Protein backbone atom coordinates (compact mmCIF):
# COMPACT_ATOMS: atom_id res chain seq x y z
CA UNK A 1 0.00 0.00 0.00
CA UNK A 2 1.14 3.54 -0.69
CA UNK A 3 2.11 5.66 2.29
CA UNK A 4 -0.17 8.67 2.91
CA UNK A 5 1.18 11.88 1.47
CA UNK A 6 2.56 14.40 3.93
CA UNK A 7 0.92 17.80 4.23
CA UNK A 8 2.86 20.95 3.35
CA UNK A 9 3.43 21.92 7.02
CA UNK A 10 4.70 18.38 7.73
CA UNK A 11 7.11 18.54 4.78
CA UNK A 12 8.30 21.98 5.84
CA UNK A 13 8.89 20.76 9.40
CA UNK A 14 10.83 17.76 8.08
CA UNK A 15 13.04 20.00 5.91
CA UNK A 16 13.68 22.41 8.77
CA UNK A 17 14.57 19.54 11.09
CA UNK A 18 17.02 18.20 8.51
CA UNK A 19 18.59 21.66 8.08
CA UNK A 20 18.89 21.97 11.85
CA UNK A 21 20.64 18.62 12.01
CA UNK A 22 23.13 19.70 9.33
CA UNK A 23 23.85 23.02 11.04
CA UNK A 24 24.18 21.38 14.46
CA UNK A 25 26.67 18.88 13.00
CA UNK A 26 25.38 15.89 14.94
CA UNK A 27 26.66 13.48 12.25
CA UNK A 28 30.43 13.36 11.70
CA UNK A 29 31.03 10.04 9.92
CA UNK A 30 29.81 9.65 6.34
CA UNK A 31 30.88 6.16 5.26
CA UNK A 32 27.40 4.60 5.49
CA UNK A 33 23.88 5.33 4.34
CA UNK A 34 22.63 7.57 1.55
CA UNK A 35 25.34 9.39 -0.40
CA UNK A 36 23.01 12.26 -1.28
CA UNK A 37 22.15 12.65 2.39
CA UNK A 38 25.85 12.69 3.30
CA UNK A 39 26.56 15.33 0.63
CA UNK A 40 23.76 17.58 1.85
CA UNK A 41 24.60 17.18 5.57
CA UNK A 42 28.23 18.11 4.90
CA UNK A 43 27.53 20.72 2.24
CA UNK A 44 25.03 22.85 4.17
CA UNK A 45 27.42 24.00 6.93
CA UNK A 46 30.31 24.24 4.45
CA UNK A 47 28.21 26.37 2.08
CA UNK A 48 27.05 28.58 4.97
CA UNK A 49 30.68 28.90 6.05
CA UNK A 50 31.67 30.06 2.58
CA UNK A 51 28.60 32.31 2.28
CA UNK A 52 29.89 34.29 5.24
CA UNK A 53 33.35 34.45 3.66
CA UNK A 54 31.68 35.71 0.47
CA UNK A 55 29.56 38.22 2.38
CA UNK A 56 32.63 39.56 4.13
CA UNK A 57 34.43 40.00 0.80
CA UNK A 58 31.51 41.92 -0.70
CA UNK A 59 30.80 44.07 2.37
CA UNK A 60 34.50 44.89 2.78
CA UNK A 61 34.67 46.04 -0.84
CA UNK A 62 31.44 48.03 -0.43
CA UNK A 63 32.85 50.11 2.41
CA UNK A 64 36.29 50.51 0.82
CA UNK A 65 34.61 51.57 -2.43
CA UNK A 66 33.05 54.51 -0.58
CA UNK A 67 36.54 56.03 -0.16
CA UNK A 68 38.04 56.44 -3.66
CA UNK A 69 39.54 54.63 -6.66
CA UNK A 70 42.97 54.49 -5.00
CA UNK A 71 41.48 52.59 -2.08
CA UNK A 72 39.94 50.02 -4.45
CA UNK A 73 43.21 49.73 -6.38
CA UNK A 74 45.16 49.23 -3.12
CA UNK A 75 42.84 46.41 -2.09
CA UNK A 76 43.11 44.85 -5.56
CA UNK A 77 46.91 44.82 -5.53
CA UNK A 78 47.23 43.69 -1.91
CA UNK A 79 44.68 40.92 -2.26
CA UNK A 80 46.54 39.65 -5.30
CA UNK A 81 49.51 39.16 -2.95
CA UNK A 82 47.25 37.76 -0.21
CA UNK A 83 46.23 35.11 -2.73
CA UNK A 84 49.78 33.80 -2.31
CA UNK A 85 49.21 33.59 1.46
CA UNK A 86 45.93 31.81 0.79
CA UNK A 87 47.77 29.42 -1.50
CA UNK A 88 50.14 28.35 1.27
CA UNK A 89 47.32 28.17 3.84
CA UNK A 90 45.06 26.19 1.53
CA UNK A 91 47.90 23.88 0.52
CA UNK A 92 48.55 23.03 4.17
CA UNK A 93 44.81 22.79 4.77
CA UNK A 94 44.30 20.31 1.92
CA UNK A 95 46.98 17.99 3.29
CA UNK A 96 45.50 18.28 6.78
CA UNK A 97 41.93 17.58 5.67
CA UNK A 98 43.09 14.54 3.68
CA UNK A 99 45.12 13.07 6.54
CA UNK A 100 42.57 13.79 9.28
CA UNK A 101 39.68 12.44 7.17
CA UNK A 102 41.65 9.28 6.33
CA UNK A 103 42.43 8.63 10.02
CA UNK A 104 38.79 9.26 10.98
CA UNK A 105 37.66 6.79 8.30
CA UNK A 106 40.11 4.27 9.73
CA UNK A 107 38.66 4.86 13.24
CA UNK A 108 41.96 6.31 14.57
CA UNK A 109 41.02 9.63 16.28
CA UNK A 110 44.29 9.77 18.25
CA UNK A 111 46.32 9.69 15.04
CA UNK A 112 44.03 12.36 13.58
CA UNK A 113 44.77 14.62 16.57
CA UNK A 114 48.52 14.06 16.24
CA UNK A 115 48.38 14.99 12.54
CA UNK A 116 46.42 18.15 13.39
CA UNK A 117 49.10 19.39 15.77
CA UNK A 118 51.94 18.78 13.29
CA UNK A 119 50.01 20.82 10.70
CA UNK A 120 49.68 23.70 13.17
CA UNK A 121 53.45 23.72 13.75
CA UNK A 122 54.15 23.89 10.01
CA UNK A 123 51.61 26.70 9.59
CA UNK A 124 53.18 28.77 12.37
CA UNK A 125 56.66 28.57 10.83
CA UNK A 126 55.49 29.59 7.35
CA UNK A 127 53.22 32.33 8.71
CA UNK A 128 56.01 34.01 10.68
CA UNK A 129 58.20 34.21 7.55
CA UNK A 130 55.39 35.85 5.54
CA UNK A 131 54.66 38.28 8.40
CA UNK A 132 58.26 39.50 8.46
CA UNK A 133 58.23 40.16 4.71
CA UNK A 134 54.92 42.04 4.96
CA UNK A 135 55.99 44.14 7.93
CA UNK A 136 59.32 45.29 6.52
CA UNK A 137 58.75 45.47 2.73
CA UNK A 138 55.15 46.65 2.02
CA UNK A 139 56.19 49.48 -0.30
CA UNK A 140 58.49 47.25 -2.32
CA UNK A 141 55.74 44.67 -2.70
CA UNK A 142 53.30 47.28 -4.05
CA UNK A 143 55.90 48.64 -6.48
CA UNK A 144 56.55 45.10 -7.66
CA UNK A 145 52.82 44.85 -8.45
CA UNK A 146 53.03 47.96 -10.64
CA UNK A 147 51.56 50.54 -8.25
CA UNK A 148 52.38 54.21 -8.84
CA UNK A 149 54.32 56.10 -6.15
CA UNK A 150 51.13 57.93 -5.22
CA UNK A 151 49.33 54.61 -4.72
CA UNK A 152 52.28 53.16 -2.77
CA UNK A 153 52.27 56.03 -0.28
CA UNK A 154 48.49 55.93 0.02
CA UNK A 155 48.05 52.21 0.61
CA UNK A 156 51.26 50.65 1.97
CA UNK A 157 49.98 50.57 5.55
CA UNK A 158 46.98 48.48 4.43
CA UNK A 159 49.39 46.00 2.85
CA UNK A 160 51.64 46.04 5.93
CA UNK A 161 48.80 45.29 8.36
CA UNK A 162 47.17 42.57 6.27
CA UNK A 163 50.38 40.69 5.43
CA UNK A 164 51.88 41.30 8.88
CA UNK A 165 48.83 39.71 10.48
CA UNK A 166 48.62 36.80 8.06
CA UNK A 167 48.96 34.21 10.85
CA UNK A 168 45.32 34.85 11.76
CA UNK A 169 44.32 34.08 8.16
CA UNK A 170 46.48 30.96 7.92
CA UNK A 171 45.37 29.46 11.22
CA UNK A 172 41.72 30.20 10.44
CA UNK A 173 42.04 28.17 7.22
CA UNK A 174 44.15 25.41 8.78
CA UNK A 175 42.07 24.70 11.89
CA UNK A 176 38.84 24.80 9.89
CA UNK A 177 40.44 22.18 7.62
CA UNK A 178 40.98 20.02 10.70
CA UNK A 179 37.31 20.33 11.63
CA UNK A 180 36.18 19.54 8.07
CA UNK A 181 38.39 16.47 7.82
CA UNK A 182 36.89 15.22 11.08
CA UNK A 183 33.37 15.81 9.75
CA UNK A 184 32.84 18.75 12.15
CA UNK A 185 31.82 21.12 9.37
CA UNK A 186 29.39 22.97 11.64
CA UNK A 187 32.27 24.14 13.90
CA UNK A 188 34.12 25.50 10.87
CA UNK A 189 30.94 27.32 9.87
CA UNK A 190 30.49 28.90 13.30
CA UNK A 191 34.12 30.03 13.32
CA UNK A 192 33.81 31.98 10.08
CA UNK A 193 30.47 33.44 11.09
CA UNK A 194 32.07 34.72 14.27
CA UNK A 195 35.28 36.01 12.64
CA UNK A 196 33.70 37.60 9.60
CA UNK A 197 30.64 38.83 11.49
CA UNK A 198 32.95 40.85 13.74
CA UNK A 199 34.84 42.02 10.66
CA UNK A 200 31.67 43.30 9.01
CA UNK A 201 30.67 45.21 12.17
CA UNK A 202 34.15 46.69 12.65
CA UNK A 203 34.67 47.66 9.00
CA UNK A 204 32.58 50.88 8.86
CA UNK A 205 33.63 51.88 12.39
CA UNK A 206 37.37 51.60 11.70
CA UNK A 207 37.24 52.89 8.12
CA UNK A 208 34.96 55.94 8.61
CA UNK A 209 35.09 56.38 12.39
CA UNK A 210 32.31 57.12 14.86
CA UNK A 211 31.67 60.02 17.22
CA UNK A 212 34.89 61.99 17.69
CA UNK A 213 36.97 59.11 16.28
CA UNK A 214 37.84 59.87 12.63
CA UNK A 215 38.69 56.33 11.52
CA UNK A 216 41.74 54.98 9.67
CA UNK A 217 40.47 55.00 6.08
CA UNK A 218 41.52 52.01 3.99
CA UNK A 219 43.85 50.86 6.80
CA UNK A 220 40.78 50.35 8.98
CA UNK A 221 39.63 47.54 6.69
CA UNK A 222 42.90 45.67 7.30
CA UNK A 223 42.69 46.23 11.06
CA UNK A 224 39.09 44.94 11.13
CA UNK A 225 40.08 41.83 9.20
CA UNK A 226 43.00 41.05 11.51
CA UNK A 227 40.95 41.55 14.69
CA UNK A 228 37.98 39.51 13.47
CA UNK A 229 40.07 36.57 12.28
CA UNK A 230 42.26 36.56 15.38
CA UNK A 231 39.15 36.21 17.55
CA UNK A 232 37.98 33.42 15.25
CA UNK A 233 41.27 31.57 15.78
CA UNK A 234 40.91 31.98 19.56
CA UNK A 235 37.48 30.31 19.34
CA UNK A 236 38.93 27.48 17.23
CA UNK A 237 41.68 26.78 19.76
CA UNK A 238 39.13 26.73 22.57
CA UNK A 239 37.06 24.11 20.71
CA UNK A 240 40.14 22.01 19.90
CA UNK A 241 41.28 21.91 23.53
CA UNK A 242 37.92 22.00 25.34
CA UNK A 243 35.42 20.63 22.81
CA UNK A 244 34.03 17.12 22.31
CA UNK A 245 34.61 16.68 18.58
CA UNK A 246 36.31 13.83 16.72
CA UNK A 247 39.63 15.67 17.01
CA UNK A 248 40.55 16.81 20.53
CA UNK A 249 43.88 18.47 21.25
CA UNK A 250 45.69 17.59 24.48
CA UNK A 251 49.17 18.01 25.93
CA UNK A 252 50.10 14.47 24.83
CA UNK A 253 49.63 15.48 21.18
CA UNK A 254 51.91 18.53 21.44
CA UNK A 255 55.10 16.82 20.39
CA UNK A 256 56.75 17.10 17.02
CA UNK A 257 56.53 13.81 15.11
CA UNK A 258 58.90 14.11 12.15
CA UNK A 259 57.35 11.15 10.30
CA UNK A 260 53.93 12.81 10.27
CA UNK A 261 55.51 16.22 9.56
CA UNK A 262 57.32 14.80 6.54
CA UNK A 263 54.17 13.16 5.19
CA UNK A 264 52.16 16.35 5.71
CA UNK A 265 54.90 18.44 4.14
CA UNK A 266 55.08 16.25 1.03
CA UNK A 267 51.32 16.36 0.51
CA UNK A 268 51.29 20.08 1.30
CA UNK A 269 53.92 20.79 -1.35
CA UNK A 270 51.55 19.59 -4.02
CA UNK A 271 48.72 21.61 -2.50
CA UNK A 272 50.86 24.72 -2.14
CA UNK A 273 52.23 24.33 -5.64
CA UNK A 274 48.74 23.86 -7.00
CA UNK A 275 47.39 27.04 -5.47
CA UNK A 276 50.58 29.05 -5.85
CA UNK A 277 50.40 28.31 -9.56
CA UNK A 278 46.79 29.44 -9.68
CA UNK A 279 47.33 32.46 -7.45
CA UNK A 280 50.51 33.55 -9.25
CA UNK A 281 48.57 33.38 -12.47
CA UNK A 282 45.94 35.72 -11.00
CA UNK A 283 48.73 38.07 -9.93
CA UNK A 284 50.00 38.15 -13.51
CA UNK A 285 46.48 38.86 -14.75
CA UNK A 286 46.19 41.79 -12.34
CA UNK A 287 49.57 43.00 -13.57
CA UNK A 288 48.33 42.86 -17.17
CA UNK A 289 45.09 44.69 -16.30
CA UNK A 290 47.03 47.37 -14.40
CA UNK A 291 48.54 48.39 -17.77
CA UNK A 292 45.13 49.83 -18.64
CA UNK A 293 44.82 52.09 -15.57
CA UNK A 294 43.26 52.29 -12.11
CA UNK A 295 39.69 52.29 -13.49
CA UNK A 296 40.26 48.95 -15.23
CA UNK A 297 41.87 47.55 -12.10
CA UNK A 298 39.02 48.76 -9.90
CA UNK A 299 36.37 47.38 -12.29
CA UNK A 300 38.08 44.00 -12.33
CA UNK A 301 38.28 44.00 -8.52
CA UNK A 302 34.54 44.72 -8.24
CA UNK A 303 33.64 41.88 -10.61
CA UNK A 304 36.04 39.52 -8.84
CA UNK A 305 34.42 40.16 -5.47
CA UNK A 306 30.98 39.48 -6.95
CA UNK A 307 32.24 36.27 -8.55
CA UNK A 308 33.86 35.15 -5.28
CA UNK A 309 30.51 35.68 -3.55
CA UNK A 310 29.10 32.72 -5.51
CA UNK A 311 32.25 30.66 -6.05
CA UNK A 312 33.03 30.38 -2.32
CA UNK A 313 29.70 28.66 -1.49
CA UNK A 314 30.43 26.42 -4.45
CA UNK A 315 33.78 25.60 -2.85
CA UNK A 316 31.73 24.52 0.17
CA UNK A 317 30.32 21.67 -1.91
CA UNK A 318 33.78 20.87 -3.26
CA UNK A 319 35.13 20.69 0.30
CA UNK A 320 32.30 18.31 1.19
CA UNK A 321 33.41 16.04 -1.65
CA UNK A 322 37.00 16.10 -0.33
CA UNK A 323 35.87 15.01 3.15
CA UNK A 324 33.69 12.24 1.71
CA UNK A 325 36.58 10.96 -0.41
CA UNK A 326 39.00 10.95 2.54
CA UNK A 327 36.66 9.23 4.97
CA UNK A 328 35.45 6.61 2.49
CA UNK A 329 38.95 5.75 1.30
CA UNK A 330 39.96 5.37 4.94
CA UNK A 331 37.02 3.00 5.43
CA UNK A 332 38.08 0.97 2.36
CA UNK A 333 35.15 2.13 0.18
CA UNK A 334 36.71 3.62 -3.01
CA UNK A 335 33.58 3.10 -5.14
CA UNK A 336 31.46 5.03 -2.65
CA UNK A 337 34.11 7.76 -2.66
CA UNK A 338 33.92 8.04 -6.48
CA UNK A 339 30.14 8.08 -6.59
CA UNK A 340 30.13 10.85 -3.97
CA UNK A 341 32.29 13.01 -6.23
CA UNK A 342 30.09 12.66 -9.31
CA UNK A 343 26.93 13.37 -7.33
CA UNK A 344 28.47 16.47 -5.71
CA UNK A 345 29.63 17.74 -9.11
CA UNK A 346 26.07 17.48 -10.47
CA UNK A 347 24.70 19.48 -7.52
CA UNK A 348 27.41 22.10 -7.98
CA UNK A 349 26.78 22.41 -11.70
CA UNK A 350 23.09 23.07 -11.04
CA UNK A 351 23.91 25.81 -8.53
CA UNK A 352 26.50 27.62 -10.66
CA UNK A 353 24.36 27.23 -13.78
CA UNK A 354 21.57 29.23 -12.13
CA UNK A 355 24.07 31.82 -10.87
CA UNK A 356 25.60 32.30 -14.31
CA UNK A 357 22.19 33.09 -15.85
CA UNK A 358 21.43 35.62 -13.10
CA UNK A 359 24.83 37.33 -13.39
CA UNK A 360 24.71 37.53 -17.18
CA UNK A 361 21.21 39.02 -17.10
CA UNK A 362 21.68 41.47 -14.24
CA UNK A 363 25.41 42.30 -14.41
CA UNK A 364 24.80 46.05 -14.46
CA UNK A 365 22.71 45.87 -11.28
CA UNK A 366 25.30 43.87 -9.32
CA UNK A 367 28.26 46.01 -10.38
CA UNK A 368 26.25 49.17 -9.70
CA UNK A 369 25.95 48.21 -6.03
CA UNK A 370 29.67 48.87 -5.55
CA UNK A 371 30.49 51.75 -7.89
CA UNK A 372 28.78 54.42 -9.97
CA UNK A 373 31.85 55.56 -11.91
CA UNK A 374 31.10 54.87 -15.60
CA UNK A 375 34.60 53.67 -16.56
CA UNK A 376 34.79 51.28 -13.59
CA UNK A 377 31.26 49.99 -14.21
CA UNK A 378 31.96 49.28 -17.87
CA UNK A 379 34.94 47.06 -17.06
CA UNK A 380 33.14 45.34 -14.17
CA UNK A 381 30.04 44.52 -16.26
CA UNK A 382 32.09 43.05 -19.10
CA UNK A 383 34.17 40.97 -16.69
CA UNK A 384 31.12 39.56 -14.93
CA UNK A 385 29.28 38.64 -18.14
CA UNK A 386 32.26 36.97 -19.80
CA UNK A 387 33.70 35.05 -16.84
CA UNK A 388 30.37 33.58 -15.73
CA UNK A 389 30.10 31.82 -19.11
CA UNK A 390 32.67 29.32 -17.87
CA UNK A 391 30.75 28.50 -14.67
CA UNK A 392 29.20 25.19 -15.79
CA UNK A 393 32.55 23.60 -16.56
CA UNK A 394 34.14 25.22 -13.55
CA UNK A 395 31.52 23.57 -11.31
CA UNK A 396 32.83 20.14 -12.28
CA UNK A 397 36.46 21.22 -12.26
CA UNK A 398 36.50 22.57 -8.70
CA UNK A 399 34.74 19.51 -7.21
CA UNK A 400 37.03 17.02 -8.94
CA UNK A 401 40.19 18.98 -8.09
CA UNK A 402 39.21 19.04 -4.43
CA UNK A 403 38.43 15.33 -4.58
CA UNK A 404 41.98 14.57 -5.72
CA UNK A 405 43.18 16.60 -2.75
CA UNK A 406 40.83 14.78 -0.38
CA UNK A 407 42.45 11.53 -1.47
CA UNK A 408 45.90 12.96 -0.75
CA UNK A 409 46.75 13.16 -4.46
CA UNK A 410 47.81 16.81 -4.65
CA UNK A 411 50.23 16.13 -7.51
CA UNK A 412 47.58 15.61 -10.22
CA UNK A 413 45.74 18.94 -9.69
CA UNK A 414 49.11 20.68 -9.50
CA UNK A 415 49.96 19.44 -12.98
CA UNK A 416 46.50 20.40 -14.23
CA UNK A 417 46.85 23.91 -12.78
CA UNK A 418 50.33 24.35 -14.24
CA UNK A 419 49.17 23.51 -17.75
CA UNK A 420 45.90 25.47 -17.54
CA UNK A 421 47.18 28.60 -15.79
CA UNK A 422 50.82 29.01 -16.83
CA UNK A 423 51.07 27.25 -20.17
CA UNK A 424 47.70 28.49 -21.45
CA UNK A 425 46.25 31.35 -19.37
CA UNK A 426 49.16 33.76 -18.89
CA UNK A 427 50.43 33.74 -22.51
CA UNK A 428 46.89 33.83 -23.93
CA UNK A 429 45.85 36.74 -21.69
CA UNK A 430 48.87 38.81 -22.73
CA UNK A 431 48.39 37.91 -26.39
CA UNK A 432 44.71 38.92 -26.44
CA UNK A 433 44.91 41.94 -24.13
CA UNK A 434 48.17 43.54 -25.30
CA UNK A 435 49.23 42.09 -28.64
CA UNK A 436 45.74 42.03 -30.18
CA UNK A 437 44.86 45.23 -28.25
CA UNK A 438 41.65 43.79 -26.79
CA UNK A 439 42.42 45.35 -23.39
CA UNK A 440 40.89 43.88 -20.21
CA UNK A 441 38.28 42.01 -22.29
CA UNK A 442 41.07 39.80 -23.59
CA UNK A 443 41.91 38.81 -20.01
CA UNK A 444 38.27 38.02 -19.21
CA UNK A 445 37.91 35.81 -22.29
CA UNK A 446 41.09 34.00 -21.29
CA UNK A 447 39.75 33.26 -17.79
CA UNK A 448 36.59 31.71 -19.24
CA UNK A 449 38.57 29.55 -21.69
CA UNK A 450 41.02 28.42 -19.00
CA UNK A 451 38.30 27.33 -16.58
CA UNK A 452 36.78 25.15 -19.30
CA UNK A 453 40.09 23.51 -20.23
CA UNK A 454 40.94 22.88 -16.57
CA UNK A 455 37.62 21.10 -15.97
CA UNK A 456 38.00 18.84 -19.01
CA UNK A 457 41.51 17.83 -17.94
CA UNK A 458 40.36 17.10 -14.38
CA UNK A 459 37.45 14.91 -15.55
CA UNK A 460 39.71 12.86 -17.84
CA UNK A 461 42.35 12.20 -15.16
CA UNK A 462 39.80 11.49 -12.43
CA UNK A 463 38.30 8.72 -14.55
CA UNK A 464 41.70 6.98 -14.60
CA UNK A 465 41.21 6.10 -10.91
CA UNK A 466 44.84 6.37 -9.73
CA UNK A 467 43.75 8.62 -6.84
CA UNK A 468 42.06 5.59 -5.19
CA UNK A 469 45.44 4.00 -4.50
CA UNK A 470 47.24 6.94 -2.86
CA UNK A 471 48.62 6.11 0.60
CA UNK A 472 48.89 8.88 3.20
């Protein structure tokens, strides 16, 4: 007999209860049961985590954009360099997620905790080196990026504060990777909501001031970011040492284990290389666009922030796939791991497909939120319309690339990124933008083409199945 159909209120209650379960993070192991259910339970908190990261990026740009074009250009150049910091942080995070997820799948929480501590030691060492460079050479870094002397003098303190405080950024990424690998995606979500929520509140206060306090201008945005993320890291450490999650830090774990460090470092090299290649390519693209003036640079920065607003939630789904791959490989279920990837890619393609239609149709509206200067708007609108055409392929590409990483195979996506970004993207962007005199449009076309090629390469190599046999 057929079961009686549920009423609309009953269905709504069931959906809300499911969402509450995902946000609460009551399930942490995803090697059994429905794959679609596992994807959704992991994806919801990861998407919400990335939504807050996206919201921060957009709100930060909104307030900075109220200052002047130089402020926008300063943020554009500095964040191109921060991408390199992100590359290192994400590389370490990928290795950590893979190793922690594998140990959780193998039912070895103690080993997962040991791996987490070794990752934190590596992150601290790298972060201190980057901080020293940022604190002592901010002007040189901006000049290297092609900034005029006027722009250097205006914005170097923003660069100095953001790079000098990069440890807060790196630890925020790294410890959230620990939580995700352990299946505690809801903790990672709460951390970013806390850190970036504070950032959003502090932004207008520190940029424009309040009462008799005049504010710091563009430097205030950097101060707000550093404060917010530092508080987020403090919360993470509290949860690691006092929480009841799958990974719990204790004094017994706080010893350097060179075997684990070496394994993490080797996996991290591929992850760092992978994202350094991608990030360095974006730096070169910014350098090419800077040839065409501050308006072009500002327009590109506006469009990039809007794009990041949707791509970061999409990365939430990709991160869910990485956790599912790691845990299922650890449990000896490679076929379930593979099926999880294809299903996640389909969900992601549906999401970004809808977004691309909206952005292409209403590009002028979205760009107009952040700037009303005609020259800046023109560049931003063109960038948004052209780049979003590559979203459907990119949806597959990002999920599969993260799935390689979740398996501990960081080498394959590194090779893919090298070919797509350095062999194809950089030369093609320069050829179209400068040699054929297409200007910034040539760069935007190149980005769309590169995302498509990257996805096709990732799909082909993923089907080979070598990632299933990687030992970490």
